[in-house]
C-alpha cells in the first residue's frame, strides 16, 4: 500500500508556474505541481474536498487524511512533457 513520505523534498516544477501561464498576477499563493525527491508528485491547488465530497463517482472515496485538490487545466497540459509515460 502506498504511503506519502514526509521526508521527500521538492525537486523540480512540472510544467510552468501559474505566473508563466497567466493564471495569476502578483499573488504568490498560486497553484503549482512539483516532483518530489522520491518521484511522487505534490499538487498545490484549491481544496474543494467539501464541495465535491457528496458528488464523488461510485467507488471513489476521500480518506480522512486526503483532500481533493483542483488545478487549472492549462497547468496540467503544460506539465505533460515533464511527466514520464511509464
PDB file of N, CA and C in Angstrom:
ATOM      1  N   UNK A   1       0.837  -1.177   0.000  1.00  0.00           N
ATOM      2  CA  UNK A   1       0.000   0.000   0.000  1.00  0.00           C
ATOM      3  C   UNK A   1       0.885   1.246   0.000  1.00  0.00           C
ATOM      4  N   UNK A   2       0.518   2.206  -0.839  1.00  0.00           N
ATOM      5  CA  UNK A   2       1.285   3.444  -0.956  1.00  0.00           C
ATOM      6  C   UNK A   2       1.037   4.332   0.247  1.00  0.00           C
ATOM      7  N   UNK A   3       2.091   4.961   0.711  1.00  0.00           N
ATOM      8  CA  UNK A   3       2.006   5.970   1.768  1.00  0.00           C
ATOM      9  C   UNK A   3       2.865   7.161   1.358  1.00  0.00           C
ATOM     10  N   UNK A   4       2.396   8.345   1.598  1.00  0.00           N
ATOM     11  CA  UNK A   4       3.187   9.548   1.324  1.00  0.00           C
ATOM     12  C   UNK A   4       4.388   9.581   2.260  1.00  0.00           C
ATOM     13  N   UNK A   5       5.533   9.961   1.724  1.00  0.00           N
ATOM     14  CA  UNK A   5       6.759  10.030   2.513  1.00  0.00           C
ATOM     15  C   UNK A   5       7.032  11.487   2.877  1.00  0.00           C
ATOM     16  N   UNK A   6       6.810  11.875   4.124  1.00  0.00           N
ATOM     17  CA  UNK A   6       7.003  13.269   4.520  1.00  0.00           C
ATOM     18  C   UNK A   6       8.471  13.711   4.511  1.00  0.00           C
ATOM     19  N   UNK A   7       9.391  12.780   4.304  1.00  0.00           N
ATOM     20  CA  UNK A   7      10.812  13.134   4.230  1.00  0.00           C
ATOM     21  C   UNK A   7      11.221  13.606   2.841  1.00  0.00           C
ATOM     22  N   UNK A   8      10.394  13.336   1.831  1.00  0.00           N
ATOM     23  CA  UNK A   8      10.709  13.752   0.458  1.00  0.00           C
ATOM     24  C   UNK A   8      10.711  15.275   0.375  1.00  0.00           C
ATOM     25  N   UNK A   9      11.527  15.799  -0.519  1.00  0.00           N
ATOM     26  CA  UNK A   9      11.572  17.251  -0.679  1.00  0.00           C
ATOM     27  C   UNK A   9      11.308  17.631  -2.139  1.00  0.00           C
ATOM     28  N   UNK A  10      10.997  18.892  -2.352  1.00  0.00           N
ATOM     29  CA  UNK A  10      10.675  19.400  -3.676  1.00  0.00           C
ATOM     30  C   UNK A  10      11.928  19.379  -4.557  1.00  0.00           C
ATOM     31  N   UNK A  11      11.801  18.754  -5.744  1.00  0.00           N
ATOM     32  CA  UNK A  11      12.935  18.643  -6.663  1.00  0.00           C
ATOM     33  C   UNK A  11      12.806  19.604  -7.844  1.00  0.00           C
ATOM     34  N   UNK A  12      11.674  19.502  -8.563  1.00  0.00           N
ATOM     35  CA  UNK A  12      11.526  20.342  -9.751  1.00  0.00           C
ATOM     36  C   UNK A  12      10.056  20.578 -10.058  1.00  0.00           C
ATOM     37  N   UNK A  13       9.788  21.737 -10.593  1.00  0.00           N
ATOM     38  CA  UNK A  13       8.428  22.074 -11.023  1.00  0.00           C
ATOM     39  C   UNK A  13       8.107  21.257 -12.264  1.00  0.00           C
ATOM     40  N   UNK A  14       6.894  20.766 -12.341  1.00  0.00           N
ATOM     41  CA  UNK A  14       6.404  20.096 -13.540  1.00  0.00           C
ATOM     42  C   UNK A  14       5.619  21.122 -14.340  1.00  0.00           C
ATOM     43  N   UNK A  15       6.047  21.376 -15.539  1.00  0.00           N
ATOM     44  CA  UNK A  15       5.362  22.357 -16.375  1.00  0.00           C
ATOM     45  C   UNK A  15       5.821  23.767 -16.078  1.00  0.00           C
ATOM     46  N   UNK A  16       4.866  24.691 -16.048  1.00  0.00           N
ATOM     47  CA  UNK A  16       5.161  26.111 -15.864  1.00  0.00           C
ATOM     48  C   UNK A  16       4.455  26.627 -14.619  1.00  0.00           C
ATOM     49  N   UNK A  17       4.969  27.721 -14.097  1.00  0.00           N
ATOM     50  CA  UNK A  17       4.349  28.338 -12.925  1.00  0.00           C
ATOM     51  C   UNK A  17       3.024  28.984 -13.317  1.00  0.00           C
ATOM     52  N   UNK A  18       2.173  29.228 -12.336  1.00  0.00           N
ATOM     53  CA  UNK A  18       0.903  29.898 -12.582  1.00  0.00           C
ATOM     54  C   UNK A  18       1.135  31.286 -13.170  1.00  0.00           C
ATOM     55  N   UNK A  19       2.203  31.930 -12.761  1.00  0.00           N
ATOM     56  CA  UNK A  19       2.535  33.252 -13.300  1.00  0.00           C
ATOM     57  C   UNK A  19       2.873  33.152 -14.792  1.00  0.00           C
ATOM     58  N   UNK A  20       3.701  32.164 -15.169  1.00  0.00           N
ATOM     59  CA  UNK A  20       4.056  31.969 -16.580  1.00  0.00           C
ATOM     60  C   UNK A  20       2.832  31.659 -17.441  1.00  0.00           C
ATOM     61  N   UNK A  21       1.853  30.973 -16.855  1.00  0.00           N
ATOM     62  CA  UNK A  21       0.655  30.579 -17.596  1.00  0.00           C
ATOM     63  C   UNK A  21      -0.418  31.653 -17.617  1.00  0.00           C
ATOM     64  N   UNK A  22      -0.196  32.730 -16.874  1.00  0.00           N
ATOM     65  CA  UNK A  22      -1.170  33.818 -16.839  1.00  0.00           C
ATOM     66  C   UNK A  22      -2.341  33.549 -15.913  1.00  0.00           C
ATOM     67  N   UNK A  23      -2.192  32.571 -14.999  1.00  0.00           N
ATOM     68  CA  UNK A  23      -3.262  32.246 -14.059  1.00  0.00           C
ATOM     69  C   UNK A  23      -3.222  33.104 -12.809  1.00  0.00           C
ATOM     70  N   UNK A  24      -2.236  33.972 -12.702  1.00  0.00           N
ATOM     71  CA  UNK A  24      -2.114  34.852 -11.545  1.00  0.00           C
ATOM     72  C   UNK A  24      -1.376  36.115 -11.965  1.00  0.00           C
ATOM     73  N   UNK A  25      -1.452  37.107 -11.148  1.00  0.00           N
ATOM     74  CA  UNK A  25      -0.727  38.345 -11.443  1.00  0.00           C
ATOM     75  C   UNK A  25       0.481  38.441 -10.501  1.00  0.00           C
ATOM     76  N   UNK A  26       0.295  38.958  -9.331  1.00  0.00           N
ATOM     77  CA  UNK A  26       1.396  39.138  -8.383  1.00  0.00           C
ATOM     78  C   UNK A  26       1.251  38.251  -7.151  1.00  0.00           C
ATOM     79  N   UNK A  27       0.157  37.526  -7.044  1.00  0.00           N
ATOM     80  CA  UNK A  27      -0.123  36.707  -5.872  1.00  0.00           C
ATOM     81  C   UNK A  27       0.845  35.522  -5.814  1.00  0.00           C
ATOM     82  N   UNK A  28       1.523  35.362  -4.693  1.00  0.00           N
ATOM     83  CA  UNK A  28       2.474  34.262  -4.545  1.00  0.00           C
ATOM     84  C   UNK A  28       1.802  32.970  -4.063  1.00  0.00           C
ATOM     85  N   UNK A  29       0.522  33.013  -3.717  1.00  0.00           N
ATOM     86  CA  UNK A  29      -0.196  31.816  -3.285  1.00  0.00           C
ATOM     87  C   UNK A  29      -0.945  31.252  -4.490  1.00  0.00           C
ATOM     88  N   UNK A  30      -0.212  30.564  -5.347  1.00  0.00           N
ATOM     89  CA  UNK A  30      -0.747  30.096  -6.625  1.00  0.00           C
ATOM     90  C   UNK A  30      -0.701  28.578  -6.716  1.00  0.00           C
ATOM     91  N   UNK A  31      -1.504  28.008  -7.607  1.00  0.00           N
ATOM     92  CA  UNK A  31      -1.420  26.577  -7.836  1.00  0.00           C
ATOM     93  C   UNK A  31      -0.050  26.211  -8.407  1.00  0.00           C
ATOM     94  N   UNK A  32       0.372  24.993  -8.140  1.00  0.00           N
ATOM     95  CA  UNK A  32       1.667  24.529  -8.641  1.00  0.00           C
ATOM     96  C   UNK A  32       1.699  23.010  -8.619  1.00  0.00           C
ATOM     97  N   UNK A  33       2.630  22.443  -9.373  1.00  0.00           N
ATOM     98  CA  UNK A  33       2.782  20.997  -9.479  1.00  0.00           C
ATOM     99  C   UNK A  33       4.270  20.684  -9.422  1.00  0.00           C
ATOM    100  N   UNK A  34       4.678  19.833  -8.468  1.00  0.00           N
ATOM    101  CA  UNK A  34       6.097  19.566  -8.239  1.00  0.00           C
ATOM    102  C   UNK A  34       6.387  18.079  -8.130  1.00  0.00           C
ATOM    103  N   UNK A  35       7.508  17.673  -8.698  1.00  0.00           N
ATOM    104  CA  UNK A  35       8.022  16.323  -8.489  1.00  0.00           C
ATOM    105  C   UNK A  35       8.832  16.339  -7.198  1.00  0.00           C
ATOM    106  N   UNK A  36       8.624  15.317  -6.375  1.00  0.00           N
ATOM    107  CA  UNK A  36       9.361  15.205  -5.121  1.00  0.00           C
ATOM    108  C   UNK A  36      10.581  14.315  -5.309  1.00  0.00           C
ATOM    109  N   UNK A  37      11.474  14.336  -4.353  1.00  0.00           N
ATOM    110  CA  UNK A  37      12.732  13.593  -4.451  1.00  0.00           C
ATOM    111  C   UNK A  37      12.536  12.089  -4.564  1.00  0.00           C
ATOM    112  N   UNK A  38      11.392  11.574  -4.147  1.00  0.00           N
ATOM    113  CA  UNK A  38      11.140  10.138  -4.255  1.00  0.00           C
ATOM    114  C   UNK A  38      10.322   9.778  -5.498  1.00  0.00           C
ATOM    115  N   UNK A  39      10.054  10.773  -6.368  1.00  0.00           N
ATOM    116  CA  UNK A  39       9.301  10.533  -7.588  1.00  0.00           C
ATOM    117  C   UNK A  39       7.812  10.799  -7.473  1.00  0.00           C
ATOM    118  N   UNK A  40       7.303  10.956  -6.266  1.00  0.00           N
ATOM    119  CA  UNK A  40       5.893  11.306  -6.094  1.00  0.00           C
ATOM    120  C   UNK A  40       5.676  12.745  -6.568  1.00  0.00           C
ATOM    121  N   UNK A  41       4.420  13.152  -6.673  1.00  0.00           N
ATOM    122  CA  UNK A  41       4.086  14.488  -7.148  1.00  0.00           C
ATOM    123  C   UNK A  41       3.268  15.210  -6.083  1.00  0.00           C
ATOM    124  N   UNK A  42       3.628  16.466  -5.830  1.00  0.00           N
ATOM    125  CA  UNK A  42       2.883  17.306  -4.896  1.00  0.00           C
ATOM    126  C   UNK A  42       2.099  18.339  -5.698  1.00  0.00           C
ATOM    127  N   UNK A  43       0.814  18.463  -5.394  1.00  0.00           N
ATOM    128  CA  UNK A  43      -0.048  19.434  -6.060  1.00  0.00           C
ATOM    129  C   UNK A  43      -0.452  20.511  -5.058  1.00  0.00           C
ATOM    130  N   UNK A  44      -0.276  21.754  -5.461  1.00  0.00           N
ATOM    131  CA  UNK A  44      -0.718  22.893  -4.660  1.00  0.00           C
ATOM    132  C   UNK A  44      -1.882  23.505  -5.425  1.00  0.00           C
ATOM    133  N   UNK A  45      -3.059  23.445  -4.852  1.00  0.00           N
ATOM    134  CA  UNK A  45      -4.234  23.958  -5.546  1.00  0.00           C
ATOM    135  C   UNK A  45      -5.338  24.282  -4.565  1.00  0.00           C
ATOM    136  N   UNK A  46      -6.509  24.497  -5.095  1.00  0.00           N
ATOM    137  CA  UNK A  46      -7.661  24.817  -4.256  1.00  0.00           C
ATOM    138  C   UNK A  46      -8.226  23.548  -3.647  1.00  0.00           C
ATOM    139  N   UNK A  47      -8.422  23.556  -2.349  1.00  0.00           N
ATOM    140  CA  UNK A  47      -9.031  22.435  -1.640  1.00  0.00           C
ATOM    141  C   UNK A  47     -10.546  22.511  -1.814  1.00  0.00           C
ATOM    142  N   UNK A  48     -11.086  21.639  -2.641  1.00  0.00           N
ATOM    143  CA  UNK A  48     -12.530  21.605  -2.886  1.00  0.00           C
ATOM    144  C   UNK A  48     -13.135  20.296  -2.383  1.00  0.00           C
ATOM    145  N   UNK A  49     -12.500  19.717  -1.383  1.00  0.00           N
ATOM    146  CA  UNK A  49     -12.953  18.436  -0.850  1.00  0.00           C
ATOM    147  C   UNK A  49     -14.420  18.476  -0.448  1.00  0.00           C
ATOM    148  N   UNK A  50     -14.798  19.465   0.338  1.00  0.00           N
ATOM    149  CA  UNK A  50     -16.180  19.512   0.822  1.00  0.00           C
ATOM    150  C   UNK A  50     -17.172  19.798  -0.294  1.00  0.00           C
ATOM    151  N   UNK A  51     -16.755  20.531  -1.309  1.00  0.00           N
ATOM    152  CA  UNK A  51     -17.630  20.829  -2.442  1.00  0.00           C
ATOM    153  C   UNK A  51     -17.945  19.556  -3.227  1.00  0.00           C
ATOM    154  N   UNK A  52     -16.941  18.707  -3.423  1.00  0.00           N
ATOM    155  CA  UNK A  52     -17.093  17.513  -4.246  1.00  0.00           C
ATOM    156  C   UNK A  52     -17.423  16.242  -3.470  1.00  0.00           C
ATOM    157  N   UNK A  53     -17.268  16.253  -2.158  1.00  0.00           N
ATOM    158  CA  UNK A  53     -17.429  15.024  -1.365  1.00  0.00           C
ATOM    159  C   UNK A  53     -18.737  14.282  -1.655  1.00  0.00           C
ATOM    160  N   UNK A  54     -19.849  14.992  -1.750  1.00  0.00           N
ATOM    161  CA  UNK A  54     -21.146  14.354  -1.974  1.00  0.00           C
ATOM    162  C   UNK A  54     -21.418  14.038  -3.444  1.00  0.00           C
ATOM    163  N   UNK A  55     -20.485  14.389  -4.332  1.00  0.00           N
ATOM    164  CA  UNK A  55     -20.675  14.162  -5.762  1.00  0.00           C
ATOM    165  C   UNK A  55     -19.654  13.200  -6.346  1.00  0.00           C
ATOM    166  N   UNK A  56     -18.962  12.462  -5.489  1.00  0.00           N
ATOM    167  CA  UNK A  56     -17.943  11.535  -5.975  1.00  0.00           C
ATOM    168  C   UNK A  56     -18.575  10.394  -6.768  1.00  0.00           C
ATOM    169  N   UNK A  57     -17.915   9.933  -7.822  1.00  0.00           N
ATOM    170  CA  UNK A  57     -18.423   8.789  -8.578  1.00  0.00           C
ATOM    171  C   UNK A  57     -18.458   7.532  -7.708  1.00  0.00           C
ATOM    172  N   UNK A  58     -19.264   6.592  -8.088  1.00  0.00           N
ATOM    173  CA  UNK A  58     -19.360   5.320  -7.372  1.00  0.00           C
ATOM    174  C   UNK A  58     -17.986   4.669  -7.272  1.00  0.00           C
ATOM    175  N   UNK A  59     -17.652   4.183  -6.098  1.00  0.00           N
ATOM    176  CA  UNK A  59     -16.378   3.509  -5.888  1.00  0.00           C
ATOM    177  C   UNK A  59     -15.221   4.435  -5.559  1.00  0.00           C
ATOM    178  N   UNK A  60     -15.471   5.746  -5.502  1.00  0.00           N
ATOM    179  CA  UNK A  60     -14.426   6.724  -5.191  1.00  0.00           C
ATOM    180  C   UNK A  60     -14.691   7.279  -3.804  1.00  0.00           C
ATOM    181  N   UNK A  61     -13.628   7.383  -3.005  1.00  0.00           N
ATOM    182  CA  UNK A  61     -13.783   7.947  -1.669  1.00  0.00           C
ATOM    183  C   UNK A  61     -12.575   8.820  -1.344  1.00  0.00           C
ATOM    184  N   UNK A  62     -12.738   9.673  -0.362  1.00  0.00           N
ATOM    185  CA  UNK A  62     -11.668  10.547   0.107  1.00  0.00           C
ATOM    186  C   UNK A  62     -11.430  10.208   1.566  1.00  0.00           C
ATOM    187  N   UNK A  63     -10.204   9.756   1.864  1.00  0.00           N
ATOM    188  CA  UNK A  63      -9.862   9.393   3.227  1.00  0.00           C
ATOM    189  C   UNK A  63      -9.783  10.605   4.133  1.00  0.00           C
ATOM    190  N   UNK A  64      -9.789  10.360   5.424  1.00  0.00           N
ATOM    191  CA  UNK A  64      -9.733  11.446   6.413  1.00  0.00           C
ATOM    192  C   UNK A  64      -8.472  12.297   6.255  1.00  0.00           C
ATOM    193  N   UNK A  65      -7.399  11.689   5.761  1.00  0.00           N
ATOM    194  CA  UNK A  65      -6.147  12.430   5.593  1.00  0.00           C
ATOM    195  C   UNK A  65      -5.904  12.832   4.134  1.00  0.00           C
ATOM    196  N   UNK A  66      -6.946  12.821   3.304  1.00  0.00           N
ATOM    197  CA  UNK A  66      -6.839  13.172   1.892  1.00  0.00           C
ATOM    198  C   UNK A  66      -7.694  14.394   1.563  1.00  0.00           C
ATOM    199  N   UNK A  67      -7.351  15.069   0.471  1.00  0.00           N
ATOM    200  CA  UNK A  67      -8.086  16.234   0.003  1.00  0.00           C
ATOM    201  C   UNK A  67      -8.225  16.162  -1.512  1.00  0.00           C
ATOM    202  N   UNK A  68      -9.317  16.696  -2.023  1.00  0.00           N
ATOM    203  CA  UNK A  68      -9.489  16.860  -3.459  1.00  0.00           C
ATOM    204  C   UNK A  68      -8.924  18.233  -3.790  1.00  0.00           C
ATOM    205  N   UNK A  69      -7.851  18.240  -4.565  1.00  0.00           N
ATOM    206  CA  UNK A  69      -7.171  19.480  -4.926  1.00  0.00           C
ATOM    207  C   UNK A  69      -7.394  19.737  -6.409  1.00  0.00           C
ATOM    208  N   UNK A  70      -7.837  20.921  -6.744  1.00  0.00           N
ATOM    209  CA  UNK A  70      -8.122  21.280  -8.130  1.00  0.00           C
ATOM    210  C   UNK A  70      -7.044  22.231  -8.644  1.00  0.00           C
ATOM    211  N   UNK A  71      -6.544  21.911  -9.851  1.00  0.00           N
ATOM    212  CA  UNK A  71      -5.536  22.721 -10.528  1.00  0.00           C
ATOM    213  C   UNK A  71      -6.084  23.200 -11.864  1.00  0.00           C
ATOM    214  N   UNK A  72      -5.576  24.308 -12.383  1.00  0.00           N
ATOM    215  CA  UNK A  72      -6.022  24.769 -13.698  1.00  0.00           C
ATOM    216  C   UNK A  72      -5.636  23.754 -14.788  1.00  0.00           C
ATOM    217  N   UNK A  73      -6.536  23.555 -15.738  1.00  0.00           N
ATOM    218  CA  UNK A  73      -6.301  22.605 -16.822  1.00  0.00           C
ATOM    219  C   UNK A  73      -5.024  22.939 -17.591  1.00  0.00           C
ATOM    220  N   UNK A  74      -4.797  24.235 -17.864  1.00  0.00           N
ATOM    221  CA  UNK A  74      -3.612  24.594 -18.638  1.00  0.00           C
ATOM    222  C   UNK A  74      -2.320  24.253 -17.898  1.00  0.00           C
ATOM    223  N   UNK A  75      -2.357  24.179 -16.567  1.00  0.00           N
ATOM    224  CA  UNK A  75      -1.179  23.802 -15.795  1.00  0.00           C
ATOM    225  C   UNK A  75      -0.854  22.321 -16.002  1.00  0.00           C
ATOM    226  N   UNK A  76      -1.872  21.478 -16.029  1.00  0.00           N
ATOM    227  CA  UNK A  76      -1.656  20.043 -16.254  1.00  0.00           C
ATOM    228  C   UNK A  76      -1.143  19.815 -17.676  1.00  0.00           C
ATOM    229  N   UNK A  77      -1.719  20.502 -18.643  1.00  0.00           N
ATOM    230  CA  UNK A  77      -1.273  20.358 -20.037  1.00  0.00           C
ATOM    231  C   UNK A  77       0.181  20.797 -20.177  1.00  0.00           C
ATOM    232  N   UNK A  78       0.556  21.890 -19.522  1.00  0.00           N
ATOM    233  CA  UNK A  78       1.933  22.373 -19.586  1.00  0.00           C
ATOM    234  C   UNK A  78       2.895  21.408 -18.917  1.00  0.00           C
ATOM    235  N   UNK A  79       2.427  20.619 -17.950  1.00  0.00           N
ATOM    236  CA  UNK A  79       3.289  19.670 -17.240  1.00  0.00           C
ATOM    237  C   UNK A  79       3.457  18.359 -17.995  1.00  0.00           C
ATOM    238  N   UNK A  80       2.599  18.088 -18.951  1.00  0.00           N
ATOM    239  CA  UNK A  80       2.620  16.803 -19.654  1.00  0.00           C
ATOM    240  C   UNK A  80       4.006  16.408 -20.182  1.00  0.00           C
ATOM    241  N   UNK A  81       4.758  17.304 -20.819  1.00  0.00           N
ATOM    242  CA  UNK A  81       6.094  16.904 -21.302  1.00  0.00           C
ATOM    243  C   UNK A  81       7.060  16.514 -20.181  1.00  0.00           C
ATOM    244  N   UNK A  82       6.824  16.974 -18.968  1.00  0.00           N
ATOM    245  CA  UNK A  82       7.710  16.664 -17.839  1.00  0.00           C
ATOM    246  C   UNK A  82       7.325  15.372 -17.123  1.00  0.00           C
ATOM    247  N   UNK A  83       6.195  14.775 -17.493  1.00  0.00           N
ATOM    248  CA  UNK A  83       5.710  13.572 -16.808  1.00  0.00           C
ATOM    249  C   UNK A  83       6.025  12.358 -17.685  1.00  0.00           C
ATOM    250  N   UNK A  84       6.818  11.408 -17.159  1.00  0.00           N
ATOM    251  CA  UNK A  84       7.166  10.235 -17.964  1.00  0.00           C
ATOM    252  C   UNK A  84       5.939   9.370 -18.280  1.00  0.00           C
ATOM    253  N   UNK A  85       6.012   8.658 -19.402  1.00  0.00           N
ATOM    254  CA  UNK A  85       4.931   7.760 -19.800  1.00  0.00           C
ATOM    255  C   UNK A  85       4.863   6.516 -18.914  1.00  0.00           C
ATOM    256  N   UNK A  86       5.973   6.125 -18.365  1.00  0.00           N
ATOM    257  CA  UNK A  86       5.987   4.917 -17.519  1.00  0.00           C
ATOM    258  C   UNK A  86       6.870   5.125 -16.306  1.00  0.00           C
TER     259      UNK A  86
END
